[in-house]
């Protein structure tokens, strides 16, 4: 997205220091799989990022995303300042008032304590494994849907940028 400086895969919200992917997937660390998004608020708003976040996953399933089940797959927004917290809370309230979903939103909004960067093999997973069935059948269509709906917010990758 235009204005996104970096997006880093990792883990947050748990109690185990320096968790590994295997530990997080085991469901006993308290961490959620997360993405740390650094962005230029002069180019893309936090509200735009929230819109994309809610568009690209199901915020109504507790501790689950598709076939992935466990607290590590909970819907959560880790905020870094009180302004983000207030904006996330307002955004969720607005979605609820508009009945944007058939079920209540269960997305947690909590402060970011520590973000642990994922191992290298876990980064850019989709880009490196596009032909795997999960990537091909689940992630690929989500990316295509996102690119169509938010084309105006996408970076121009023909000018030397990196897509994923």
N, C-alpha and C. Protein backbone atom coordinates (compact mmCIF):
# COMPACT_ATOMS: atom_id res chain seq x y z
N UNK A 1 0.84 -1.16 0.00
CA UNK A 1 0.00 0.00 0.00
C UNK A 1 0.90 1.24 0.00
N UNK A 2 0.44 2.25 -0.69
CA UNK A 2 1.17 3.51 -0.68
C UNK A 2 1.26 3.98 0.78
N UNK A 3 2.41 4.43 1.18
CA UNK A 3 2.61 4.92 2.54
C UNK A 3 3.06 3.88 3.53
N UNK A 4 2.97 2.60 3.17
CA UNK A 4 3.47 1.56 4.06
C UNK A 4 4.98 1.45 3.84
N UNK A 5 5.72 1.70 4.87
CA UNK A 5 7.18 1.67 4.80
C UNK A 5 7.69 0.25 4.92
N UNK A 6 7.10 -0.51 5.87
CA UNK A 6 7.49 -1.91 6.02
C UNK A 6 6.35 -2.68 6.67
N UNK A 7 6.34 -3.96 6.41
CA UNK A 7 5.41 -4.90 7.05
C UNK A 7 6.24 -6.11 7.45
N UNK A 8 6.30 -6.38 8.73
CA UNK A 8 7.16 -7.43 9.25
C UNK A 8 6.33 -8.49 9.97
N UNK A 9 6.51 -9.74 9.61
CA UNK A 9 5.81 -10.83 10.27
C UNK A 9 6.43 -11.09 11.63
N UNK A 10 5.58 -11.44 12.59
CA UNK A 10 6.10 -11.75 13.91
C UNK A 10 5.01 -12.16 14.87
N UNK A 11 5.30 -11.95 16.16
CA UNK A 11 4.43 -12.41 17.23
C UNK A 11 4.33 -11.32 18.30
N UNK A 12 3.14 -11.21 18.91
CA UNK A 12 2.95 -10.21 19.95
C UNK A 12 1.81 -10.64 20.86
N UNK A 13 1.79 -10.04 22.04
CA UNK A 13 0.67 -10.22 22.95
C UNK A 13 0.78 -11.36 23.93
N UNK A 14 1.90 -12.02 23.97
CA UNK A 14 2.05 -13.17 24.85
C UNK A 14 3.02 -12.94 25.99
N UNK A 15 3.37 -14.04 26.65
CA UNK A 15 4.22 -13.95 27.82
C UNK A 15 5.58 -14.61 27.65
N UNK A 16 5.77 -15.38 26.60
CA UNK A 16 7.03 -16.09 26.39
C UNK A 16 8.00 -15.19 25.63
N UNK A 17 9.18 -14.91 26.19
CA UNK A 17 10.14 -14.07 25.48
C UNK A 17 10.75 -14.81 24.29
N UNK A 18 10.99 -14.07 23.23
CA UNK A 18 11.64 -14.60 22.03
C UNK A 18 11.04 -15.92 21.54
N UNK A 19 9.73 -15.94 21.30
CA UNK A 19 9.11 -17.20 20.90
C UNK A 19 9.50 -17.59 19.47
N UNK A 20 9.44 -18.88 19.23
CA UNK A 20 9.65 -19.40 17.88
C UNK A 20 8.28 -19.64 17.25
N UNK A 21 8.29 -19.81 15.94
CA UNK A 21 7.05 -20.11 15.23
C UNK A 21 6.41 -21.38 15.79
N UNK A 22 7.22 -22.39 16.03
CA UNK A 22 6.69 -23.65 16.55
C UNK A 22 6.04 -23.46 17.93
N UNK A 23 6.67 -22.65 18.78
CA UNK A 23 6.09 -22.38 20.10
C UNK A 23 4.75 -21.64 19.97
N UNK A 24 4.72 -20.63 19.12
CA UNK A 24 3.49 -19.86 18.94
C UNK A 24 2.38 -20.75 18.39
N UNK A 25 2.70 -21.57 17.40
CA UNK A 25 1.71 -22.48 16.82
C UNK A 25 1.22 -23.50 17.83
N UNK A 26 2.02 -23.79 18.82
CA UNK A 26 1.61 -24.71 19.87
C UNK A 26 0.51 -24.15 20.76
N UNK A 27 0.32 -22.83 20.69
CA UNK A 27 -0.78 -22.20 21.41
C UNK A 27 -0.58 -21.95 22.88
N UNK A 28 0.63 -22.13 23.38
CA UNK A 28 0.83 -21.98 24.83
C UNK A 28 1.66 -20.74 25.20
N UNK A 29 1.98 -19.88 24.22
CA UNK A 29 2.79 -18.71 24.51
C UNK A 29 1.96 -17.47 24.81
N UNK A 30 0.69 -17.50 24.43
CA UNK A 30 -0.16 -16.32 24.55
C UNK A 30 0.00 -15.35 23.40
N UNK A 31 1.00 -15.58 22.55
CA UNK A 31 1.24 -14.67 21.43
C UNK A 31 0.26 -14.92 20.29
N UNK A 32 0.00 -13.89 19.54
CA UNK A 32 -0.75 -13.99 18.28
C UNK A 32 0.23 -13.80 17.14
N UNK A 33 -0.02 -14.47 16.04
CA UNK A 33 0.74 -14.15 14.84
C UNK A 33 0.33 -12.74 14.45
N UNK A 34 1.30 -11.89 14.18
CA UNK A 34 1.01 -10.48 13.96
C UNK A 34 1.90 -9.92 12.85
N UNK A 35 1.52 -8.77 12.36
CA UNK A 35 2.33 -8.04 11.40
C UNK A 35 2.58 -6.65 11.96
N UNK A 36 3.82 -6.25 12.00
CA UNK A 36 4.18 -4.90 12.42
C UNK A 36 4.20 -4.04 11.18
N UNK A 37 3.32 -3.05 11.15
CA UNK A 37 3.18 -2.17 9.99
C UNK A 37 3.75 -0.80 10.33
N UNK A 38 4.79 -0.41 9.64
CA UNK A 38 5.31 0.95 9.77
C UNK A 38 4.80 1.73 8.57
N UNK A 39 4.22 2.91 8.85
CA UNK A 39 3.59 3.65 7.76
C UNK A 39 3.77 5.15 7.93
N UNK A 40 3.65 5.84 6.80
CA UNK A 40 3.72 7.29 6.76
C UNK A 40 2.29 7.81 6.80
N UNK A 41 1.89 8.37 7.93
CA UNK A 41 0.50 8.82 8.10
C UNK A 41 0.16 10.01 7.20
N UNK A 42 1.16 10.61 6.56
CA UNK A 42 0.88 11.67 5.59
C UNK A 42 0.45 11.09 4.25
N UNK A 43 0.67 9.78 4.06
CA UNK A 43 0.34 9.13 2.80
C UNK A 43 -0.84 8.17 2.95
N UNK A 44 -0.85 7.40 4.01
CA UNK A 44 -1.95 6.46 4.27
C UNK A 44 -2.39 6.63 5.72
N UNK A 45 -3.68 6.70 5.93
CA UNK A 45 -4.19 6.92 7.29
C UNK A 45 -4.30 5.61 8.05
N UNK A 46 -4.32 5.74 9.36
CA UNK A 46 -4.56 4.58 10.21
C UNK A 46 -5.94 4.00 9.90
N UNK A 47 -6.89 4.86 9.60
CA UNK A 47 -8.23 4.39 9.24
C UNK A 47 -8.19 3.53 7.97
N UNK A 48 -7.40 3.93 6.98
CA UNK A 48 -7.25 3.10 5.78
C UNK A 48 -6.68 1.74 6.13
N UNK A 49 -5.69 1.71 7.02
CA UNK A 49 -5.10 0.44 7.44
C UNK A 49 -6.13 -0.41 8.19
N UNK A 50 -6.95 0.21 9.01
CA UNK A 50 -8.01 -0.52 9.70
C UNK A 50 -9.02 -1.09 8.70
N UNK A 51 -9.37 -0.30 7.71
CA UNK A 51 -10.31 -0.75 6.67
C UNK A 51 -9.77 -1.99 5.98
N UNK A 52 -8.51 -1.96 5.61
CA UNK A 52 -7.88 -3.10 4.94
C UNK A 52 -7.81 -4.30 5.88
N UNK A 53 -7.45 -4.06 7.12
CA UNK A 53 -7.38 -5.13 8.12
C UNK A 53 -8.72 -5.86 8.24
N UNK A 54 -9.80 -5.10 8.37
CA UNK A 54 -11.11 -5.73 8.54
C UNK A 54 -11.61 -6.35 7.24
N UNK A 55 -11.17 -5.84 6.10
CA UNK A 55 -11.57 -6.40 4.81
C UNK A 55 -10.90 -7.75 4.53
N UNK A 56 -9.71 -7.95 5.08
CA UNK A 56 -8.92 -9.12 4.69
C UNK A 56 -8.99 -10.29 5.66
N UNK A 57 -9.82 -10.21 6.69
CA UNK A 57 -9.97 -11.35 7.59
C UNK A 57 -11.35 -11.32 8.22
N UNK A 58 -11.69 -12.39 8.93
CA UNK A 58 -12.99 -12.46 9.60
C UNK A 58 -12.82 -12.05 11.05
N UNK A 59 -13.31 -10.84 11.41
CA UNK A 59 -13.16 -10.37 12.78
C UNK A 59 -14.25 -10.89 13.72
N UNK A 60 -15.06 -11.84 13.25
CA UNK A 60 -16.16 -12.33 14.07
C UNK A 60 -15.94 -13.74 14.62
N UNK A 61 -14.83 -14.36 14.26
CA UNK A 61 -14.56 -15.71 14.76
C UNK A 61 -13.51 -15.63 15.86
N UNK A 62 -13.84 -16.16 17.01
CA UNK A 62 -12.95 -16.10 18.15
C UNK A 62 -11.85 -17.14 18.01
N UNK A 63 -10.62 -16.68 18.05
CA UNK A 63 -9.45 -17.57 18.02
C UNK A 63 -9.43 -18.49 16.80
N UNK A 64 -9.76 -17.91 15.65
CA UNK A 64 -9.80 -18.71 14.43
C UNK A 64 -9.75 -17.80 13.21
N UNK A 65 -9.02 -18.25 12.20
CA UNK A 65 -9.03 -17.64 10.88
C UNK A 65 -9.04 -18.79 9.88
N UNK A 66 -10.17 -19.01 9.25
CA UNK A 66 -10.29 -20.12 8.32
C UNK A 66 -10.08 -21.44 9.04
N UNK A 67 -9.17 -22.26 8.53
CA UNK A 67 -8.88 -23.55 9.15
C UNK A 67 -7.89 -23.45 10.30
N UNK A 68 -7.32 -22.27 10.52
CA UNK A 68 -6.34 -22.08 11.58
C UNK A 68 -7.08 -21.76 12.88
N UNK A 69 -6.88 -22.60 13.89
CA UNK A 69 -7.62 -22.47 15.15
C UNK A 69 -6.65 -22.35 16.32
N UNK A 70 -6.95 -21.46 17.24
CA UNK A 70 -6.15 -21.27 18.44
C UNK A 70 -6.01 -19.80 18.76
N UNK A 71 -5.63 -19.49 20.00
CA UNK A 71 -5.50 -18.09 20.41
C UNK A 71 -4.46 -17.34 19.59
N UNK A 72 -3.52 -18.08 19.00
CA UNK A 72 -2.49 -17.44 18.18
C UNK A 72 -3.08 -16.87 16.88
N UNK A 73 -4.33 -17.23 16.57
CA UNK A 73 -5.00 -16.74 15.36
C UNK A 73 -6.13 -15.77 15.69
N UNK A 74 -6.11 -15.23 16.91
CA UNK A 74 -7.16 -14.30 17.29
C UNK A 74 -7.06 -13.01 16.47
N UNK A 75 -8.18 -12.36 16.32
CA UNK A 75 -8.22 -11.06 15.65
C UNK A 75 -7.84 -10.00 16.68
N UNK A 76 -6.74 -9.31 16.43
CA UNK A 76 -6.26 -8.35 17.42
C UNK A 76 -5.55 -7.18 16.74
N UNK A 77 -5.76 -6.01 17.29
CA UNK A 77 -5.05 -4.80 16.86
C UNK A 77 -4.17 -4.41 18.03
N UNK A 78 -2.87 -4.40 17.81
CA UNK A 78 -1.92 -3.94 18.82
C UNK A 78 -1.61 -2.48 18.53
N UNK A 79 -2.03 -1.60 19.39
CA UNK A 79 -1.81 -0.17 19.16
C UNK A 79 -0.53 0.28 19.85
N UNK A 80 0.03 1.39 19.32
CA UNK A 80 1.28 1.91 19.89
C UNK A 80 1.08 3.27 20.57
N UNK A 81 -0.13 3.84 20.48
CA UNK A 81 -0.40 5.09 21.19
C UNK A 81 -1.90 5.21 21.43
N UNK A 82 -2.27 6.13 22.33
CA UNK A 82 -3.67 6.28 22.71
C UNK A 82 -4.55 6.71 21.54
N UNK A 83 -3.99 7.47 20.61
CA UNK A 83 -4.75 7.88 19.43
C UNK A 83 -5.16 6.68 18.58
N UNK A 84 -4.24 5.75 18.39
CA UNK A 84 -4.57 4.54 17.64
C UNK A 84 -5.62 3.72 18.37
N UNK A 85 -5.48 3.64 19.68
CA UNK A 85 -6.48 2.88 20.45
C UNK A 85 -7.87 3.47 20.27
N UNK A 86 -7.98 4.78 20.43
CA UNK A 86 -9.28 5.44 20.30
C UNK A 86 -9.84 5.26 18.89
N UNK A 87 -8.98 5.40 17.89
CA UNK A 87 -9.44 5.26 16.51
C UNK A 87 -9.88 3.82 16.22
N UNK A 88 -9.17 2.84 16.72
CA UNK A 88 -9.55 1.44 16.52
C UNK A 88 -10.89 1.16 17.21
N UNK A 89 -11.04 1.64 18.44
CA UNK A 89 -12.30 1.45 19.16
C UNK A 89 -13.47 2.10 18.41
N UNK A 90 -13.28 3.33 17.92
CA UNK A 90 -14.32 4.02 17.15
C UNK A 90 -14.65 3.27 15.87
N UNK A 91 -13.63 2.78 15.20
CA UNK A 91 -13.82 2.07 13.94
C UNK A 91 -14.66 0.81 14.16
N UNK A 92 -14.33 0.04 15.20
CA UNK A 92 -15.09 -1.17 15.50
C UNK A 92 -16.53 -0.81 15.88
N UNK A 93 -16.69 0.22 16.67
CA UNK A 93 -18.04 0.66 17.07
C UNK A 93 -18.86 1.03 15.85
N UNK A 94 -18.24 1.73 14.91
CA UNK A 94 -18.93 2.13 13.68
C UNK A 94 -19.35 0.90 12.87
N UNK A 95 -18.46 -0.08 12.75
CA UNK A 95 -18.80 -1.31 12.04
C UNK A 95 -19.97 -2.02 12.71
N UNK A 96 -19.96 -2.06 14.04
CA UNK A 96 -21.05 -2.70 14.77
C UNK A 96 -22.37 -1.96 14.55
N UNK A 97 -22.33 -0.63 14.61
CA UNK A 97 -23.54 0.18 14.41
C UNK A 97 -24.10 0.01 13.00
N UNK A 98 -23.21 -0.18 12.03
CA UNK A 98 -23.63 -0.37 10.64
C UNK A 98 -24.01 -1.82 10.33
N UNK A 99 -23.88 -2.69 11.32
CA UNK A 99 -24.14 -4.12 11.13
C UNK A 99 -23.37 -4.64 9.92
N UNK A 100 -22.08 -4.30 9.90
CA UNK A 100 -21.21 -4.69 8.78
C UNK A 100 -21.03 -6.20 8.70
N UNK A 101 -21.23 -6.89 9.81
CA UNK A 101 -21.09 -8.34 9.87
C UNK A 101 -22.34 -8.94 10.49
N UNK A 102 -22.61 -10.19 10.15
CA UNK A 102 -23.78 -10.88 10.69
C UNK A 102 -23.62 -11.24 12.16
N UNK A 103 -22.37 -11.33 12.62
CA UNK A 103 -22.07 -11.69 14.00
C UNK A 103 -21.29 -10.55 14.66
N UNK A 104 -21.24 -10.52 15.98
CA UNK A 104 -20.47 -9.47 16.66
C UNK A 104 -18.97 -9.57 16.35
N UNK A 105 -18.33 -8.43 16.33
CA UNK A 105 -16.88 -8.36 16.13
C UNK A 105 -16.20 -8.75 17.45
N UNK A 106 -15.21 -9.66 17.36
CA UNK A 106 -14.50 -10.12 18.55
C UNK A 106 -13.04 -9.65 18.56
N UNK A 107 -12.72 -8.74 17.69
CA UNK A 107 -11.35 -8.22 17.60
C UNK A 107 -10.95 -7.55 18.92
N UNK A 108 -9.81 -7.95 19.45
CA UNK A 108 -9.26 -7.33 20.65
C UNK A 108 -8.47 -6.09 20.23
N UNK A 109 -8.48 -5.08 21.07
CA UNK A 109 -7.65 -3.89 20.89
C UNK A 109 -6.80 -3.79 22.15
N UNK A 110 -5.49 -3.97 21.99
CA UNK A 110 -4.64 -3.97 23.17
C UNK A 110 -3.29 -3.31 22.87
N UNK A 111 -2.64 -2.81 23.90
CA UNK A 111 -1.36 -2.14 23.68
C UNK A 111 -0.28 -3.12 23.23
N UNK A 112 0.59 -2.65 22.36
CA UNK A 112 1.73 -3.46 21.96
C UNK A 112 2.79 -3.34 23.04
N UNK A 113 3.12 -4.46 23.63
CA UNK A 113 4.17 -4.48 24.64
C UNK A 113 5.50 -4.71 23.91
N UNK A 114 5.67 -5.91 23.41
CA UNK A 114 6.89 -6.26 22.68
C UNK A 114 6.48 -7.00 21.41
N UNK A 115 7.12 -6.66 20.32
CA UNK A 115 6.92 -7.37 19.05
C UNK A 115 8.17 -8.19 18.79
N UNK A 116 7.97 -9.48 18.55
CA UNK A 116 9.08 -10.37 18.23
C UNK A 116 9.02 -10.69 16.75
N UNK A 117 10.09 -10.36 16.05
CA UNK A 117 10.15 -10.62 14.62
C UNK A 117 10.21 -12.12 14.35
N UNK A 118 9.48 -12.55 13.34
CA UNK A 118 9.45 -13.96 12.97
C UNK A 118 10.79 -14.38 12.37
N UNK A 119 11.01 -15.68 12.37
CA UNK A 119 12.20 -16.25 11.75
C UNK A 119 12.17 -15.98 10.25
N UNK A 120 13.35 -15.95 9.64
CA UNK A 120 13.44 -15.63 8.21
C UNK A 120 12.57 -16.54 7.35
N UNK A 121 12.53 -17.83 7.67
CA UNK A 121 11.77 -18.75 6.83
C UNK A 121 10.26 -18.49 6.91
N UNK A 122 9.83 -17.75 7.93
CA UNK A 122 8.40 -17.44 8.10
C UNK A 122 8.02 -16.12 7.43
N UNK A 123 9.01 -15.34 7.05
CA UNK A 123 8.76 -14.05 6.39
C UNK A 123 8.52 -14.28 4.90
N UNK A 124 7.72 -13.41 4.31
CA UNK A 124 7.42 -13.49 2.87
C UNK A 124 6.94 -14.88 2.48
N UNK A 125 6.24 -15.52 3.37
CA UNK A 125 5.83 -16.91 3.17
C UNK A 125 5.02 -17.08 1.88
N UNK A 126 4.06 -16.22 1.67
CA UNK A 126 3.22 -16.33 0.47
C UNK A 126 4.05 -16.20 -0.79
N UNK A 127 4.90 -15.21 -0.82
CA UNK A 127 5.72 -14.99 -2.01
C UNK A 127 6.61 -16.20 -2.32
N UNK A 128 7.11 -16.86 -1.30
CA UNK A 128 8.01 -18.00 -1.50
C UNK A 128 7.29 -19.33 -1.73
N UNK A 129 5.97 -19.37 -1.42
CA UNK A 129 5.25 -20.65 -1.49
C UNK A 129 3.92 -20.52 -2.23
N UNK A 130 3.84 -19.68 -3.24
CA UNK A 130 2.58 -19.43 -3.94
C UNK A 130 1.91 -20.69 -4.48
N UNK A 131 2.69 -21.70 -4.81
CA UNK A 131 2.12 -22.90 -5.41
C UNK A 131 1.63 -23.92 -4.40
N UNK A 132 1.89 -23.70 -3.11
CA UNK A 132 1.36 -24.61 -2.10
C UNK A 132 -0.17 -24.47 -2.08
N UNK A 133 -0.89 -25.55 -1.84
CA UNK A 133 -2.35 -25.49 -1.89
C UNK A 133 -2.97 -24.38 -1.02
N UNK A 134 -2.50 -24.22 0.22
CA UNK A 134 -3.07 -23.19 1.09
C UNK A 134 -2.87 -21.80 0.49
N UNK A 135 -1.68 -21.52 0.01
CA UNK A 135 -1.39 -20.22 -0.59
C UNK A 135 -2.21 -20.02 -1.85
N UNK A 136 -2.27 -21.04 -2.68
CA UNK A 136 -2.97 -20.96 -3.95
C UNK A 136 -4.48 -20.80 -3.76
N UNK A 137 -5.04 -21.55 -2.83
CA UNK A 137 -6.49 -21.57 -2.67
C UNK A 137 -7.04 -20.54 -1.70
N UNK A 138 -6.25 -20.15 -0.70
CA UNK A 138 -6.74 -19.24 0.34
C UNK A 138 -6.14 -17.84 0.21
N UNK A 139 -4.83 -17.76 0.24
CA UNK A 139 -4.18 -16.45 0.26
C UNK A 139 -4.27 -15.76 -1.09
N UNK A 140 -4.00 -16.50 -2.18
CA UNK A 140 -4.03 -15.91 -3.52
C UNK A 140 -5.33 -15.17 -3.81
N UNK A 141 -6.49 -15.80 -3.63
CA UNK A 141 -7.74 -15.09 -3.88
C UNK A 141 -7.94 -13.87 -2.98
N UNK A 142 -7.46 -13.94 -1.73
CA UNK A 142 -7.57 -12.79 -0.83
C UNK A 142 -6.74 -11.62 -1.36
N UNK A 143 -5.53 -11.92 -1.82
CA UNK A 143 -4.66 -10.87 -2.36
C UNK A 143 -5.29 -10.25 -3.60
N UNK A 144 -5.82 -11.08 -4.48
CA UNK A 144 -6.48 -10.57 -5.69
C UNK A 144 -7.67 -9.68 -5.35
N UNK A 145 -8.48 -10.11 -4.40
CA UNK A 145 -9.64 -9.33 -3.96
C UNK A 145 -9.19 -7.98 -3.38
N UNK A 146 -8.14 -8.01 -2.57
CA UNK A 146 -7.60 -6.79 -1.98
C UNK A 146 -7.09 -5.85 -3.07
N UNK A 147 -6.33 -6.39 -4.01
CA UNK A 147 -5.76 -5.56 -5.08
C UNK A 147 -6.84 -4.92 -5.95
N UNK A 148 -7.93 -5.62 -6.18
CA UNK A 148 -9.03 -5.06 -6.96
C UNK A 148 -9.76 -3.97 -6.20
N UNK A 149 -10.08 -4.26 -4.95
CA UNK A 149 -10.89 -3.32 -4.16
C UNK A 149 -10.13 -2.05 -3.80
N UNK A 150 -8.83 -2.17 -3.54
CA UNK A 150 -8.04 -1.04 -3.07
C UNK A 150 -6.93 -0.66 -4.05
N UNK A 151 -7.20 -0.80 -5.32
CA UNK A 151 -6.20 -0.51 -6.36
C UNK A 151 -5.63 0.89 -6.22
N UNK A 152 -6.44 1.85 -5.83
CA UNK A 152 -5.97 3.24 -5.73
C UNK A 152 -4.96 3.43 -4.60
N UNK A 153 -4.92 2.51 -3.65
CA UNK A 153 -3.99 2.62 -2.53
C UNK A 153 -2.70 1.83 -2.74
N UNK A 154 -2.64 1.07 -3.84
CA UNK A 154 -1.47 0.22 -4.08
C UNK A 154 -0.28 1.03 -4.59
N UNK A 155 0.90 0.60 -4.18
CA UNK A 155 2.12 1.19 -4.71
C UNK A 155 2.27 0.79 -6.17
N UNK A 156 3.00 1.60 -6.93
CA UNK A 156 3.32 1.26 -8.32
C UNK A 156 4.60 0.43 -8.30
N UNK A 157 4.46 -0.87 -8.49
CA UNK A 157 5.62 -1.74 -8.41
C UNK A 157 6.41 -1.79 -9.70
N UNK A 158 5.90 -1.14 -10.73
CA UNK A 158 6.67 -1.07 -11.98
C UNK A 158 7.82 -0.07 -11.85
N UNK A 159 7.81 0.70 -10.76
CA UNK A 159 8.87 1.69 -10.58
C UNK A 159 9.97 1.21 -9.64
N UNK A 160 10.10 -0.12 -9.52
CA UNK A 160 11.21 -0.66 -8.75
C UNK A 160 10.90 -1.08 -7.35
N UNK A 161 9.65 -0.99 -6.91
CA UNK A 161 9.27 -1.40 -5.57
C UNK A 161 9.22 -2.92 -5.47
N UNK A 162 9.12 -3.40 -4.26
CA UNK A 162 8.98 -4.83 -4.01
C UNK A 162 7.55 -5.10 -3.62
N UNK A 163 6.91 -6.06 -4.25
CA UNK A 163 5.49 -6.29 -4.02
C UNK A 163 5.21 -6.90 -2.66
N UNK A 164 5.89 -7.92 -2.27
CA UNK A 164 5.62 -8.55 -0.98
C UNK A 164 6.87 -8.52 -0.18
